[in-house]
Amino acid sequence: MDAVISDRFLSMSDVAKILGVSKRTVERMEKRGTLPEKTRLSHKTVGWRSSRFQEFMNTL
């Protein structure tokens, strides 16, 4: 249960900074299906779960 509580969401800016690329590159990677799927947080807000993104980073 602690993992769920501590799991935060990453914005596009966060992901771009982690990968060292621009937001536009993140959009392209997302369109190609290179990145894990985002999770909808609200009507206008989406983000990546940090745990799923870490799993993705471990595969690189």
PDB file of N, CA and C in Angstrom:
ATOM      1  N   MET A   1       0.815  -1.194   0.000  1.00  0.00           N
ATOM      2  CA  MET A   1       0.000   0.000   0.000  1.00  0.00           C
ATOM      3  C   MET A   1       0.859   1.259   0.000  1.00  0.00           C
ATOM      4  N   ASP A   2       2.030   1.222   0.629  1.00  0.00           N
ATOM      5  CA  ASP A   2       2.905   2.393   0.655  1.00  0.00           C
ATOM      6  C   ASP A   2       3.348   2.806  -0.743  1.00  0.00           C
ATOM      7  N   ALA A   3       3.546   1.827  -1.633  1.00  0.00           N
ATOM      8  CA  ALA A   3       3.983   2.145  -2.986  1.00  0.00           C
ATOM      9  C   ALA A   3       2.945   2.972  -3.718  1.00  0.00           C
ATOM     10  N   VAL A   4       1.688   2.677  -3.510  1.00  0.00           N
ATOM     11  CA  VAL A   4       0.620   3.421  -4.177  1.00  0.00           C
ATOM     12  C   VAL A   4       0.570   4.846  -3.650  1.00  0.00           C
ATOM     13  N   ILE A   5       0.718   5.018  -2.361  1.00  0.00           N
ATOM     14  CA  ILE A   5       0.653   6.344  -1.760  1.00  0.00           C
ATOM     15  C   ILE A   5       1.834   7.202  -2.199  1.00  0.00           C
ATOM     16  N   SER A   6       3.017   6.630  -2.257  1.00  0.00           N
ATOM     17  CA  SER A   6       4.203   7.408  -2.594  1.00  0.00           C
ATOM     18  C   SER A   6       4.395   7.578  -4.104  1.00  0.00           C
ATOM     19  N   ASP A   7       3.636   6.875  -4.918  1.00  0.00           N
ATOM     20  CA  ASP A   7       3.768   6.985  -6.374  1.00  0.00           C
ATOM     21  C   ASP A   7       3.229   8.328  -6.825  1.00  0.00           C
ATOM     22  N   ARG A   8       4.098   9.160  -7.403  1.00  0.00           N
ATOM     23  CA  ARG A   8       3.645  10.464  -7.858  1.00  0.00           C
ATOM     24  C   ARG A   8       3.531  10.468  -9.378  1.00  0.00           C
ATOM     25  N   PHE A   9       2.993  11.541  -9.906  1.00  0.00           N
ATOM     26  CA  PHE A   9       2.822  11.663 -11.337  1.00  0.00           C
ATOM     27  C   PHE A   9       3.839  12.633 -11.908  1.00  0.00           C
ATOM     28  N   LEU A  10       4.312  12.315 -13.097  1.00  0.00           N
ATOM     29  CA  LEU A  10       5.291  13.147 -13.789  1.00  0.00           C
ATOM     30  C   LEU A  10       4.597  13.900 -14.914  1.00  0.00           C
ATOM     31  N   SER A  11       4.879  15.169 -15.030  1.00  0.00           N
ATOM     32  CA  SER A  11       4.335  15.980 -16.116  1.00  0.00           C
ATOM     33  C   SER A  11       5.206  15.804 -17.358  1.00  0.00           C
ATOM     34  N   MET A  12       4.764  16.378 -18.460  1.00  0.00           N
ATOM     35  CA  MET A  12       5.560  16.312 -19.681  1.00  0.00           C
ATOM     36  C   MET A  12       6.902  17.012 -19.464  1.00  0.00           C
ATOM     37  N   SER A  13       6.891  18.129 -18.741  1.00  0.00           N
ATOM     38  CA  SER A  13       8.145  18.832 -18.444  1.00  0.00           C
ATOM     39  C   SER A  13       9.089  17.958 -17.630  1.00  0.00           C
ATOM     40  N   ASP A  14       8.541  17.248 -16.642  1.00  0.00           N
ATOM     41  CA  ASP A  14       9.361  16.341 -15.833  1.00  0.00           C
ATOM     42  C   ASP A  14      10.004  15.274 -16.702  1.00  0.00           C
ATOM     43  N   VAL A  15       9.202  14.663 -17.563  1.00  0.00           N
ATOM     44  CA  VAL A  15       9.694  13.583 -18.431  1.00  0.00           C
ATOM     45  C   VAL A  15      10.749  14.114 -19.388  1.00  0.00           C
ATOM     46  N   ALA A  16      10.511  15.287 -19.966  1.00  0.00           N
ATOM     47  CA  ALA A  16      11.490  15.882 -20.879  1.00  0.00           C
ATOM     48  C   ALA A  16      12.813  16.129 -20.161  1.00  0.00           C
ATOM     49  N   LYS A  17      12.741  16.624 -18.933  1.00  0.00           N
ATOM     50  CA  LYS A  17      13.944  16.909 -18.151  1.00  0.00           C
ATOM     51  C   LYS A  17      14.692  15.614 -17.818  1.00  0.00           C
ATOM     52  N   ILE A  18      13.948  14.584 -17.428  1.00  0.00           N
ATOM     53  CA  ILE A  18      14.570  13.296 -17.087  1.00  0.00           C
ATOM     54  C   ILE A  18      15.280  12.703 -18.301  1.00  0.00           C
ATOM     55  N   LEU A  19      14.629  12.776 -19.466  1.00  0.00           N
ATOM     56  CA  LEU A  19      15.197  12.201 -20.681  1.00  0.00           C
ATOM     57  C   LEU A  19      16.230  13.108 -21.346  1.00  0.00           C
ATOM     58  N   GLY A  20      16.248  14.388 -20.959  1.00  0.00           N
ATOM     59  CA  GLY A  20      17.185  15.328 -21.563  1.00  0.00           C
ATOM     60  C   GLY A  20      16.795  15.712 -22.980  1.00  0.00           C
ATOM     61  N   VAL A  21      15.484  15.796 -23.232  1.00  0.00           N
ATOM     62  CA  VAL A  21      14.975  16.146 -24.556  1.00  0.00           C
ATOM     63  C   VAL A  21      13.937  17.257 -24.412  1.00  0.00           C
ATOM     64  N   SER A  22      13.463  17.763 -25.542  1.00  0.00           N
ATOM     65  CA  SER A  22      12.428  18.802 -25.518  1.00  0.00           C
ATOM     66  C   SER A  22      11.050  18.183 -25.319  1.00  0.00           C
ATOM     67  N   LYS A  23      10.087  19.023 -24.973  1.00  0.00           N
ATOM     68  CA  LYS A  23       8.708  18.551 -24.831  1.00  0.00           C
ATOM     69  C   LYS A  23       8.182  18.028 -26.167  1.00  0.00           C
ATOM     70  N   ARG A  24       8.595  18.664 -27.248  1.00  0.00           N
ATOM     71  CA  ARG A  24       8.165  18.217 -28.587  1.00  0.00           C
ATOM     72  C   ARG A  24       8.680  16.802 -28.864  1.00  0.00           C
ATOM     73  N   THR A  25       9.898  16.501 -28.450  1.00  0.00           N
ATOM     74  CA  THR A  25      10.446  15.154 -28.622  1.00  0.00           C
ATOM     75  C   THR A  25       9.656  14.158 -27.791  1.00  0.00           C
ATOM     76  N   VAL A  26       9.261  14.548 -26.571  1.00  0.00           N
ATOM     77  CA  VAL A  26       8.432  13.682 -25.738  1.00  0.00           C
ATOM     78  C   VAL A  26       7.113  13.405 -26.459  1.00  0.00           C
ATOM     79  N   GLU A  27       6.514  14.426 -27.066  1.00  0.00           N
ATOM     80  CA  GLU A  27       5.270  14.237 -27.826  1.00  0.00           C
ATOM     81  C   GLU A  27       5.470  13.251 -28.969  1.00  0.00           C
ATOM     82  N   ARG A  28       6.590  13.364 -29.666  1.00  0.00           N
ATOM     83  CA  ARG A  28       6.884  12.446 -30.777  1.00  0.00           C
ATOM     84  C   ARG A  28       7.058  11.015 -30.269  1.00  0.00           C
ATOM     85  N   MET A  29       7.776  10.866 -29.165  1.00  0.00           N
ATOM     86  CA  MET A  29       7.993   9.544 -28.587  1.00  0.00           C
ATOM     87  C   MET A  29       6.669   8.929 -28.155  1.00  0.00           C
ATOM     88  N   GLU A  30       5.821   9.754 -27.591  1.00  0.00           N
ATOM     89  CA  GLU A  30       4.501   9.299 -27.161  1.00  0.00           C
ATOM     90  C   GLU A  30       3.668   8.848 -28.364  1.00  0.00           C
ATOM     91  N   LYS A  31       3.721   9.612 -29.429  1.00  0.00           N
ATOM     92  CA  LYS A  31       2.957   9.281 -30.643  1.00  0.00           C
ATOM     93  C   LYS A  31       3.442   7.970 -31.265  1.00  0.00           C
ATOM     94  N   ARG A  32       4.758   7.720 -31.194  1.00  0.00           N
ATOM     95  CA  ARG A  32       5.334   6.472 -31.723  1.00  0.00           C
ATOM     96  C   ARG A  32       5.064   5.282 -30.816  1.00  0.00           C
ATOM     97  N   GLY A  33       4.639   5.556 -29.577  1.00  0.00           N
ATOM     98  CA  GLY A  33       4.399   4.474 -28.637  1.00  0.00           C
ATOM     99  C   GLY A  33       5.647   4.046 -27.893  1.00  0.00           C
ATOM    100  N   THR A  34       6.672   4.885 -27.919  1.00  0.00           N
ATOM    101  CA  THR A  34       7.927   4.579 -27.246  1.00  0.00           C
ATOM    102  C   THR A  34       7.804   4.690 -25.731  1.00  0.00           C
ATOM    103  N   LEU A  35       6.995   5.624 -25.268  1.00  0.00           N
ATOM    104  CA  LEU A  35       6.828   5.863 -23.828  1.00  0.00           C
ATOM    105  C   LEU A  35       5.658   5.061 -23.277  1.00  0.00           C
ATOM    106  N   PRO A  36       5.665   4.812 -21.962  1.00  0.00           N
ATOM    107  CA  PRO A  36       4.498   4.151 -21.359  1.00  0.00           C
ATOM    108  C   PRO A  36       3.273   5.062 -21.470  1.00  0.00           C
ATOM    109  N   GLU A  37       2.102   4.477 -21.356  1.00  0.00           N
ATOM    110  CA  GLU A  37       0.871   5.271 -21.450  1.00  0.00           C
ATOM    111  C   GLU A  37       0.734   6.214 -20.277  1.00  0.00           C
ATOM    112  N   LYS A  38       0.143   7.381 -20.567  1.00  0.00           N
ATOM    113  CA  LYS A  38      -0.134   8.354 -19.515  1.00  0.00           C
ATOM    114  C   LYS A  38      -1.425   7.959 -18.809  1.00  0.00           C
ATOM    115  N   THR A  39      -1.615   8.504 -17.623  1.00  0.00           N
ATOM    116  CA  THR A  39      -2.821   8.295 -16.837  1.00  0.00           C
ATOM    117  C   THR A  39      -3.564   9.613 -16.736  1.00  0.00           C
ATOM    118  N   ARG A  40      -4.864   9.592 -16.972  1.00  0.00           N
ATOM    119  CA  ARG A  40      -5.671  10.804 -16.864  1.00  0.00           C
ATOM    120  C   ARG A  40      -5.941  11.086 -15.390  1.00  0.00           C
ATOM    121  N   LEU A  41      -5.566  12.290 -14.948  1.00  0.00           N
ATOM    122  CA  LEU A  41      -5.756  12.699 -13.568  1.00  0.00           C
ATOM    123  C   LEU A  41      -7.046  13.491 -13.390  1.00  0.00           C
ATOM    124  N   SER A  42      -7.381  14.267 -14.396  1.00  0.00           N
ATOM    125  CA  SER A  42      -8.623  15.040 -14.397  1.00  0.00           C
ATOM    126  C   SER A  42      -9.001  15.290 -15.850  1.00  0.00           C
ATOM    127  N   HIS A  43     -10.011  16.098 -16.049  1.00  0.00           N
ATOM    128  CA  HIS A  43     -10.483  16.373 -17.409  1.00  0.00           C
ATOM    129  C   HIS A  43      -9.363  16.904 -18.311  1.00  0.00           C
ATOM    130  N   LYS A  44      -8.512  17.779 -17.772  1.00  0.00           N
ATOM    131  CA  LYS A  44      -7.469  18.412 -18.579  1.00  0.00           C
ATOM    132  C   LYS A  44      -6.049  17.958 -18.247  1.00  0.00           C
ATOM    133  N   THR A  45      -5.887  17.190 -17.205  1.00  0.00           N
ATOM    134  CA  THR A  45      -4.549  16.858 -16.723  1.00  0.00           C
ATOM    135  C   THR A  45      -4.241  15.379 -16.891  1.00  0.00           C
ATOM    136  N   VAL A  46      -3.069  15.116 -17.483  1.00  0.00           N
ATOM    137  CA  VAL A  46      -2.584  13.745 -17.620  1.00  0.00           C
ATOM    138  C   VAL A  46      -1.132  13.713 -17.170  1.00  0.00           C
ATOM    139  N   GLY A  47      -0.655  12.543 -16.819  1.00  0.00           N
ATOM    140  CA  GLY A  47       0.734  12.410 -16.399  1.00  0.00           C
ATOM    141  C   GLY A  47       1.150  10.954 -16.378  1.00  0.00           C
ATOM    142  N   TRP A  48       2.422  10.741 -16.184  1.00  0.00           N
ATOM    143  CA  TRP A  48       2.964   9.397 -16.109  1.00  0.00           C
ATOM    144  C   TRP A  48       3.182   9.033 -14.642  1.00  0.00           C
ATOM    145  N   ARG A  49       2.789   7.826 -14.259  1.00  0.00           N
ATOM    146  CA  ARG A  49       3.097   7.354 -12.906  1.00  0.00           C
ATOM    147  C   ARG A  49       4.611   7.172 -12.826  1.00  0.00           C
ATOM    148  N   SER A  50       5.199   7.686 -11.785  1.00  0.00           N
ATOM    149  CA  SER A  50       6.662   7.615 -11.669  1.00  0.00           C
ATOM    150  C   SER A  50       7.157   6.172 -11.622  1.00  0.00           C
ATOM    151  N   SER A  51       6.378   5.279 -11.013  1.00  0.00           N
ATOM    152  CA  SER A  51       6.807   3.869 -10.937  1.00  0.00           C
ATOM    153  C   SER A  51       6.829   3.226 -12.323  1.00  0.00           C
ATOM    154  N   ARG A  52       5.814   3.494 -13.140  1.00  0.00           N
ATOM    155  CA  ARG A  52       5.796   2.932 -14.495  1.00  0.00           C
ATOM    156  C   ARG A  52       6.891   3.549 -15.350  1.00  0.00           C
ATOM    157  N   PHE A  53       7.144   4.841 -15.140  1.00  0.00           N
ATOM    158  CA  PHE A  53       8.186   5.497 -15.912  1.00  0.00           C
ATOM    159  C   PHE A  53       9.554   4.960 -15.508  1.00  0.00           C
ATOM    160  N   GLN A  54       9.747   4.677 -14.223  1.00  0.00           N
ATOM    161  CA  GLN A  54      11.015   4.099 -13.769  1.00  0.00           C
ATOM    162  C   GLN A  54      11.228   2.720 -14.387  1.00  0.00           C
ATOM    163  N   GLU A  55      10.182   1.923 -14.480  1.00  0.00           N
ATOM    164  CA  GLU A  55      10.277   0.612 -15.138  1.00  0.00           C
ATOM    165  C   GLU A  55      10.714   0.793 -16.587  1.00  0.00           C
ATOM    166  N   PHE A  56      10.135   1.786 -17.268  1.00  0.00           N
ATOM    167  CA  PHE A  56      10.508   2.083 -18.647  1.00  0.00           C
ATOM    168  C   PHE A  56      11.986   2.469 -18.726  1.00  0.00           C
ATOM    169  N   MET A  57      12.439   3.332 -17.812  1.00  0.00           N
ATOM    170  CA  MET A  57      13.836   3.779 -17.817  1.00  0.00           C
ATOM    171  C   MET A  57      14.790   2.609 -17.572  1.00  0.00           C
ATOM    172  N   ASN A  58      14.369   1.648 -16.782  1.00  0.00           N
ATOM    173  CA  ASN A  58      15.211   0.480 -16.503  1.00  0.00           C
ATOM    174  C   ASN A  58      15.396  -0.397 -17.736  1.00  0.00           C
ATOM    175  N   THR A  59      14.518  -0.279 -18.713  1.00  0.00           N
ATOM    176  CA  THR A  59      14.627  -1.089 -19.931  1.00  0.00           C
ATOM    177  C   THR A  59      15.557  -0.452 -20.955  1.00  0.00           C
ATOM    178  N   LEU A  60      15.941   0.793 -20.755  1.00  0.00           N
ATOM    179  CA  LEU A  60      16.804   1.485 -21.736  1.00  0.00           C
ATOM    180  C   LEU A  60      18.240   1.051 -21.596  1.00  0.00           C
TER     181      LEU A  60
END
